[in-house]
Each structure stands twice: as structure tokens, then as C-alpha cells.
Amino acid sequence: MNKKLSEEGEKSKAICQSCKQIVSTTFARRDVPFSDGIGEVKDILVSVCDLCDRVVAIPAQSTPAIREARLKEVKSIEAQLPAAFPDMLDLAAHTIDSASSTVRRT
């Protein structure tokens, strides 16, 4: 499987949601906010609309940087709970996502 890595300054085409058409784009480095509005990923390669200068696409090669930035935005909390509560929290987290779990620190 050959995957091409995009480079800054390279040209492409994409559909721009703002311009509502297929547009010419240029790959550039930008800070991109997360869609939930909490935090952002800094200096990643994105495809930018040549007409309106908005980010229209993010190449797969930027995914690891996005993942790292998202993990940094997760804030830990500390609390003292009755002994049964962490078990209930673990069960709830596991029910939502079997890969999830609470982290207990003593």
C-alpha cells in the first residue's frame, strides 16, 4: 500500500463547505481548534481553501498530532469516594467503551 505524504505548499482540490464548491487548495501548517471547542492542535498540516483561506481537509499524516493534542486536553481529577463508587464508575466506563477504565491512584 503506497501512501503519499503531503508537503507544505503542495496544491490539491477539495470541497469547501464555506464556498460550497470544489476549490483549489494549498497545504499549510495551521493551529486547528477541536470541533467541541475545547482545546486545539497546534501547527499541523492541513489543506486550506485558496478562495476563503479556511481549513477544508486534514491529511491522514496529521492524525497522530491530533491524537496527542487531544490526550493532553484530558484533565485528571482527584476525589475521595466511598469504596463501591470506583467499581460502579469502572462498570459504567466499561459499558460505554470496553477499552475504557478509570485510573485509581493511591
N, C-alpha and C. Protein backbone atom coordinates (compact mmCIF):
# COMPACT_ATOMS: atom_id res chain seq x y z
N MET A 1 0.84 -1.17 0.00
CA MET A 1 0.00 0.00 0.00
C MET A 1 0.90 1.24 0.00
N ASN A 2 0.78 2.05 -1.04
CA ASN A 2 1.56 3.28 -1.14
C ASN A 2 0.71 4.46 -0.67
N LYS A 3 1.18 5.12 0.36
CA LYS A 3 0.50 6.32 0.83
C LYS A 3 1.42 7.51 0.59
N LYS A 4 0.91 8.48 -0.09
CA LYS A 4 1.68 9.68 -0.39
C LYS A 4 1.59 10.65 0.79
N LEU A 5 2.71 11.17 1.19
CA LEU A 5 2.73 12.19 2.22
C LEU A 5 2.64 13.56 1.56
N SER A 6 1.74 14.37 2.04
CA SER A 6 1.59 15.72 1.50
C SER A 6 2.65 16.62 2.11
N GLU A 7 3.00 17.67 1.37
CA GLU A 7 4.01 18.62 1.85
C GLU A 7 3.45 20.03 1.83
N GLU A 8 3.98 20.86 2.71
CA GLU A 8 3.58 22.26 2.77
C GLU A 8 3.81 22.93 1.41
N GLY A 9 2.80 23.68 0.94
CA GLY A 9 2.90 24.37 -0.34
C GLY A 9 2.34 23.57 -1.51
N GLU A 10 2.12 22.28 -1.30
CA GLU A 10 1.57 21.42 -2.36
C GLU A 10 0.12 21.80 -2.64
N LYS A 11 -0.28 21.66 -3.90
CA LYS A 11 -1.65 22.01 -4.31
C LYS A 11 -2.51 20.76 -4.38
N SER A 12 -3.83 20.95 -4.21
CA SER A 12 -4.80 19.87 -4.27
C SER A 12 -6.17 20.47 -4.58
N LYS A 13 -7.19 19.64 -4.57
CA LYS A 13 -8.56 20.11 -4.73
C LYS A 13 -9.40 19.47 -3.62
N ALA A 14 -10.43 20.20 -3.18
CA ALA A 14 -11.33 19.70 -2.14
C ALA A 14 -12.65 20.46 -2.24
N ILE A 15 -13.63 19.95 -1.52
CA ILE A 15 -14.91 20.66 -1.43
C ILE A 15 -14.85 21.58 -0.22
N CYS A 16 -15.07 22.84 -0.45
CA CYS A 16 -15.06 23.82 0.64
C CYS A 16 -16.50 24.02 1.12
N GLN A 17 -16.73 23.79 2.41
CA GLN A 17 -18.06 23.97 2.99
C GLN A 17 -18.49 25.44 2.96
N SER A 18 -17.53 26.33 3.09
CA SER A 18 -17.83 27.76 3.11
C SER A 18 -18.17 28.27 1.70
N CYS A 19 -17.34 27.90 0.74
CA CYS A 19 -17.55 28.36 -0.65
C CYS A 19 -18.60 27.52 -1.37
N LYS A 20 -18.92 26.36 -0.84
CA LYS A 20 -19.93 25.46 -1.41
C LYS A 20 -19.60 25.04 -2.84
N GLN A 21 -18.32 24.72 -3.06
CA GLN A 21 -17.89 24.27 -4.38
C GLN A 21 -16.55 23.54 -4.26
N ILE A 22 -16.16 22.89 -5.34
CA ILE A 22 -14.83 22.28 -5.40
C ILE A 22 -13.84 23.42 -5.64
N VAL A 23 -12.83 23.47 -4.81
CA VAL A 23 -11.86 24.58 -4.87
C VAL A 23 -10.43 24.04 -4.94
N SER A 24 -9.56 24.89 -5.39
CA SER A 24 -8.13 24.62 -5.34
C SER A 24 -7.67 24.87 -3.91
N THR A 25 -6.79 24.02 -3.42
CA THR A 25 -6.30 24.17 -2.05
C THR A 25 -4.78 24.13 -2.01
N THR A 26 -4.24 24.63 -0.92
CA THR A 26 -2.81 24.59 -0.68
C THR A 26 -2.58 24.02 0.71
N PHE A 27 -1.62 23.08 0.82
CA PHE A 27 -1.29 22.54 2.13
C PHE A 27 -0.45 23.54 2.90
N ALA A 28 -0.84 23.77 4.15
CA ALA A 28 -0.15 24.73 5.01
C ALA A 28 -0.23 24.25 6.45
N ARG A 29 0.57 24.83 7.29
CA ARG A 29 0.55 24.49 8.73
C ARG A 29 -0.33 25.51 9.44
N ARG A 30 -1.24 24.99 10.26
CA ARG A 30 -2.18 25.84 10.99
C ARG A 30 -2.44 25.27 12.38
N ASP A 31 -2.94 26.12 13.27
CA ASP A 31 -3.50 25.68 14.54
C ASP A 31 -4.98 25.44 14.28
N VAL A 32 -5.48 24.27 14.67
CA VAL A 32 -6.86 23.91 14.37
C VAL A 32 -7.59 23.59 15.68
N PRO A 33 -8.68 24.30 15.97
CA PRO A 33 -9.45 24.00 17.19
C PRO A 33 -10.21 22.69 17.04
N PHE A 34 -10.41 22.00 18.16
CA PHE A 34 -11.22 20.78 18.14
C PHE A 34 -12.67 21.16 17.90
N SER A 35 -13.42 20.26 17.30
CA SER A 35 -14.81 20.56 16.94
C SER A 35 -15.69 20.81 18.16
N ASP A 36 -15.29 20.28 19.33
CA ASP A 36 -16.09 20.52 20.54
C ASP A 36 -15.75 21.85 21.20
N GLY A 37 -14.78 22.58 20.63
CA GLY A 37 -14.43 23.89 21.15
C GLY A 37 -13.49 23.87 22.34
N ILE A 38 -13.10 22.68 22.78
CA ILE A 38 -12.21 22.56 23.93
C ILE A 38 -10.81 22.21 23.45
N GLY A 39 -9.95 23.20 23.41
CA GLY A 39 -8.56 22.99 23.01
C GLY A 39 -8.35 23.06 21.51
N GLU A 40 -7.09 22.88 21.12
CA GLU A 40 -6.74 22.91 19.72
C GLU A 40 -5.46 22.12 19.52
N VAL A 41 -5.22 21.76 18.28
CA VAL A 41 -3.97 21.12 17.91
C VAL A 41 -3.14 22.16 17.18
N LYS A 42 -1.89 22.28 17.55
CA LYS A 42 -1.04 23.34 17.01
C LYS A 42 -0.16 22.85 15.88
N ASP A 43 -0.02 23.70 14.88
CA ASP A 43 0.96 23.53 13.81
C ASP A 43 0.88 22.18 13.10
N ILE A 44 -0.32 21.82 12.61
CA ILE A 44 -0.45 20.59 11.83
C ILE A 44 -0.64 20.94 10.36
N LEU A 45 -0.33 19.98 9.51
CA LEU A 45 -0.50 20.17 8.08
C LEU A 45 -1.98 20.00 7.73
N VAL A 46 -2.54 21.00 7.05
CA VAL A 46 -3.95 20.96 6.63
C VAL A 46 -4.05 21.47 5.19
N SER A 47 -5.18 21.19 4.60
CA SER A 47 -5.48 21.69 3.26
C SER A 47 -6.35 22.94 3.42
N VAL A 48 -5.91 24.06 2.84
CA VAL A 48 -6.57 25.35 3.01
C VAL A 48 -7.16 25.82 1.68
N CYS A 49 -8.41 26.26 1.72
CA CYS A 49 -9.10 26.78 0.53
C CYS A 49 -8.35 28.02 0.02
N ASP A 50 -8.05 28.02 -1.27
CA ASP A 50 -7.36 29.17 -1.88
C ASP A 50 -8.27 30.38 -2.03
N LEU A 51 -9.61 30.19 -1.95
CA LEU A 51 -10.54 31.31 -2.09
C LEU A 51 -10.83 31.99 -0.75
N CYS A 52 -11.16 31.20 0.28
CA CYS A 52 -11.58 31.80 1.55
C CYS A 52 -10.58 31.61 2.69
N ASP A 53 -9.51 30.88 2.46
CA ASP A 53 -8.44 30.67 3.43
C ASP A 53 -8.88 29.86 4.66
N ARG A 54 -9.91 29.03 4.52
CA ARG A 54 -10.36 28.18 5.63
C ARG A 54 -9.83 26.77 5.45
N VAL A 55 -9.66 26.07 6.57
CA VAL A 55 -9.23 24.67 6.53
C VAL A 55 -10.36 23.84 5.94
N VAL A 56 -10.05 23.08 4.88
CA VAL A 56 -11.07 22.26 4.24
C VAL A 56 -10.82 20.77 4.41
N ALA A 57 -9.59 20.39 4.72
CA ALA A 57 -9.28 18.97 4.90
C ALA A 57 -8.03 18.82 5.75
N ILE A 58 -7.93 17.67 6.38
CA ILE A 58 -6.76 17.34 7.19
C ILE A 58 -6.24 16.00 6.69
N PRO A 59 -4.99 15.95 6.20
CA PRO A 59 -4.46 14.69 5.70
C PRO A 59 -4.23 13.69 6.84
N ALA A 60 -4.28 12.42 6.50
CA ALA A 60 -4.12 11.35 7.49
C ALA A 60 -2.80 11.47 8.26
N GLN A 61 -1.79 12.01 7.63
CA GLN A 61 -0.49 12.12 8.30
C GLN A 61 -0.52 13.06 9.50
N SER A 62 -1.56 13.89 9.63
CA SER A 62 -1.69 14.78 10.78
C SER A 62 -2.42 14.12 11.95
N THR A 63 -2.98 12.94 11.73
CA THR A 63 -3.76 12.25 12.76
C THR A 63 -2.99 12.01 14.06
N PRO A 64 -1.74 11.54 14.02
CA PRO A 64 -1.01 11.33 15.28
C PRO A 64 -0.87 12.61 16.11
N ALA A 65 -0.64 13.74 15.46
CA ALA A 65 -0.51 15.01 16.19
C ALA A 65 -1.85 15.41 16.81
N ILE A 66 -2.94 15.13 16.11
CA ILE A 66 -4.27 15.44 16.65
C ILE A 66 -4.55 14.58 17.87
N ARG A 67 -4.22 13.30 17.77
CA ARG A 67 -4.43 12.37 18.89
C ARG A 67 -3.64 12.83 20.12
N GLU A 68 -2.38 13.18 19.92
CA GLU A 68 -1.54 13.64 21.03
C GLU A 68 -2.11 14.90 21.69
N ALA A 69 -2.55 15.84 20.88
CA ALA A 69 -3.11 17.09 21.41
C ALA A 69 -4.40 16.80 22.17
N ARG A 70 -5.22 15.89 21.66
CA ARG A 70 -6.48 15.54 22.34
C ARG A 70 -6.19 14.89 23.69
N LEU A 71 -5.19 14.02 23.75
CA LEU A 71 -4.85 13.37 25.01
C LEU A 71 -4.36 14.38 26.05
N LYS A 72 -3.66 15.41 25.59
CA LYS A 72 -3.18 16.45 26.51
C LYS A 72 -4.33 17.28 27.08
N GLU A 73 -5.44 17.37 26.35
CA GLU A 73 -6.59 18.16 26.80
C GLU A 73 -7.40 17.45 27.88
N VAL A 74 -7.19 16.13 28.01
CA VAL A 74 -7.92 15.38 29.03
C VAL A 74 -7.32 15.73 30.39
N LYS A 75 -8.13 16.23 31.26
CA LYS A 75 -7.67 16.64 32.59
C LYS A 75 -8.06 15.59 33.62
N SER A 76 -7.13 15.25 34.48
CA SER A 76 -7.45 14.29 35.53
C SER A 76 -8.08 15.01 36.72
N ILE A 77 -8.89 14.28 37.46
CA ILE A 77 -9.50 14.84 38.66
C ILE A 77 -9.20 13.90 39.82
N GLU A 78 -9.20 14.45 41.01
CA GLU A 78 -8.99 13.65 42.21
C GLU A 78 -10.19 13.82 43.11
N ALA A 79 -10.59 12.71 43.71
CA ALA A 79 -11.73 12.76 44.63
C ALA A 79 -11.64 11.58 45.58
N GLN A 80 -12.19 11.77 46.78
CA GLN A 80 -12.30 10.67 47.73
C GLN A 80 -13.74 10.19 47.69
N LEU A 81 -13.90 8.92 47.33
CA LEU A 81 -15.22 8.34 47.17
C LEU A 81 -15.38 7.11 48.05
N PRO A 82 -16.62 6.79 48.41
CA PRO A 82 -16.84 5.53 49.11
C PRO A 82 -16.31 4.37 48.26
N ALA A 83 -15.89 3.29 48.88
CA ALA A 83 -15.21 2.18 48.20
C ALA A 83 -15.99 1.63 47.00
N ALA A 84 -17.30 1.58 47.05
CA ALA A 84 -18.08 0.99 45.96
C ALA A 84 -18.17 1.90 44.73
N PHE A 85 -17.99 3.21 44.91
CA PHE A 85 -18.15 4.14 43.80
C PHE A 85 -17.16 3.91 42.65
N PRO A 86 -15.86 3.71 42.93
CA PRO A 86 -14.94 3.46 41.81
C PRO A 86 -15.31 2.21 41.01
N ASP A 87 -15.82 1.18 41.69
CA ASP A 87 -16.25 -0.03 40.99
C ASP A 87 -17.44 0.28 40.07
N MET A 88 -18.37 1.10 40.55
CA MET A 88 -19.51 1.48 39.72
C MET A 88 -19.05 2.33 38.54
N LEU A 89 -18.09 3.22 38.79
CA LEU A 89 -17.56 4.06 37.72
C LEU A 89 -16.85 3.21 36.67
N ASP A 90 -16.05 2.22 37.12
CA ASP A 90 -15.40 1.30 36.20
C ASP A 90 -16.42 0.57 35.33
N LEU A 91 -17.48 0.08 35.96
CA LEU A 91 -18.52 -0.64 35.22
C LEU A 91 -19.19 0.27 34.19
N ALA A 92 -19.49 1.50 34.60
CA ALA A 92 -20.13 2.45 33.68
C ALA A 92 -19.20 2.76 32.50
N ALA A 93 -17.92 3.01 32.78
CA ALA A 93 -16.95 3.31 31.72
C ALA A 93 -16.81 2.11 30.78
N HIS A 94 -16.76 0.92 31.34
CA HIS A 94 -16.63 -0.29 30.53
C HIS A 94 -17.87 -0.52 29.67
N THR A 95 -19.05 -0.18 30.20
CA THR A 95 -20.29 -0.34 29.46
C THR A 95 -20.32 0.59 28.25
N ILE A 96 -19.82 1.80 28.41
CA ILE A 96 -19.79 2.77 27.31
C ILE A 96 -18.72 2.40 26.29
N ASP A 97 -17.54 2.05 26.76
CA ASP A 97 -16.43 1.70 25.87
C ASP A 97 -15.60 0.64 26.57
N SER A 98 -15.59 -0.57 26.03
CA SER A 98 -14.91 -1.68 26.69
C SER A 98 -13.41 -1.45 26.87
N ALA A 99 -12.83 -0.49 26.14
CA ALA A 99 -11.42 -0.19 26.30
C ALA A 99 -11.17 0.85 27.39
N SER A 100 -12.26 1.42 27.95
CA SER A 100 -12.12 2.47 28.96
C SER A 100 -12.04 1.88 30.37
N SER A 101 -11.43 2.64 31.22
CA SER A 101 -11.37 2.28 32.63
C SER A 101 -10.96 3.51 33.42
N THR A 102 -11.34 3.56 34.66
CA THR A 102 -10.86 4.64 35.50
C THR A 102 -9.46 4.31 35.97
N VAL A 103 -8.71 5.31 36.29
CA VAL A 103 -7.37 5.11 36.80
C VAL A 103 -7.39 5.43 38.28
N ARG A 104 -7.01 4.47 39.08
CA ARG A 104 -7.00 4.69 40.53
C ARG A 104 -5.61 5.01 40.98
N ARG A 105 -5.50 6.06 41.75
CA ARG A 105 -4.19 6.45 42.30
C ARG A 105 -4.31 6.49 43.81
N THR A 106 -3.35 5.92 44.44
CA THR A 106 -3.37 5.90 45.90
C THR A 106 -2.32 6.80 46.48
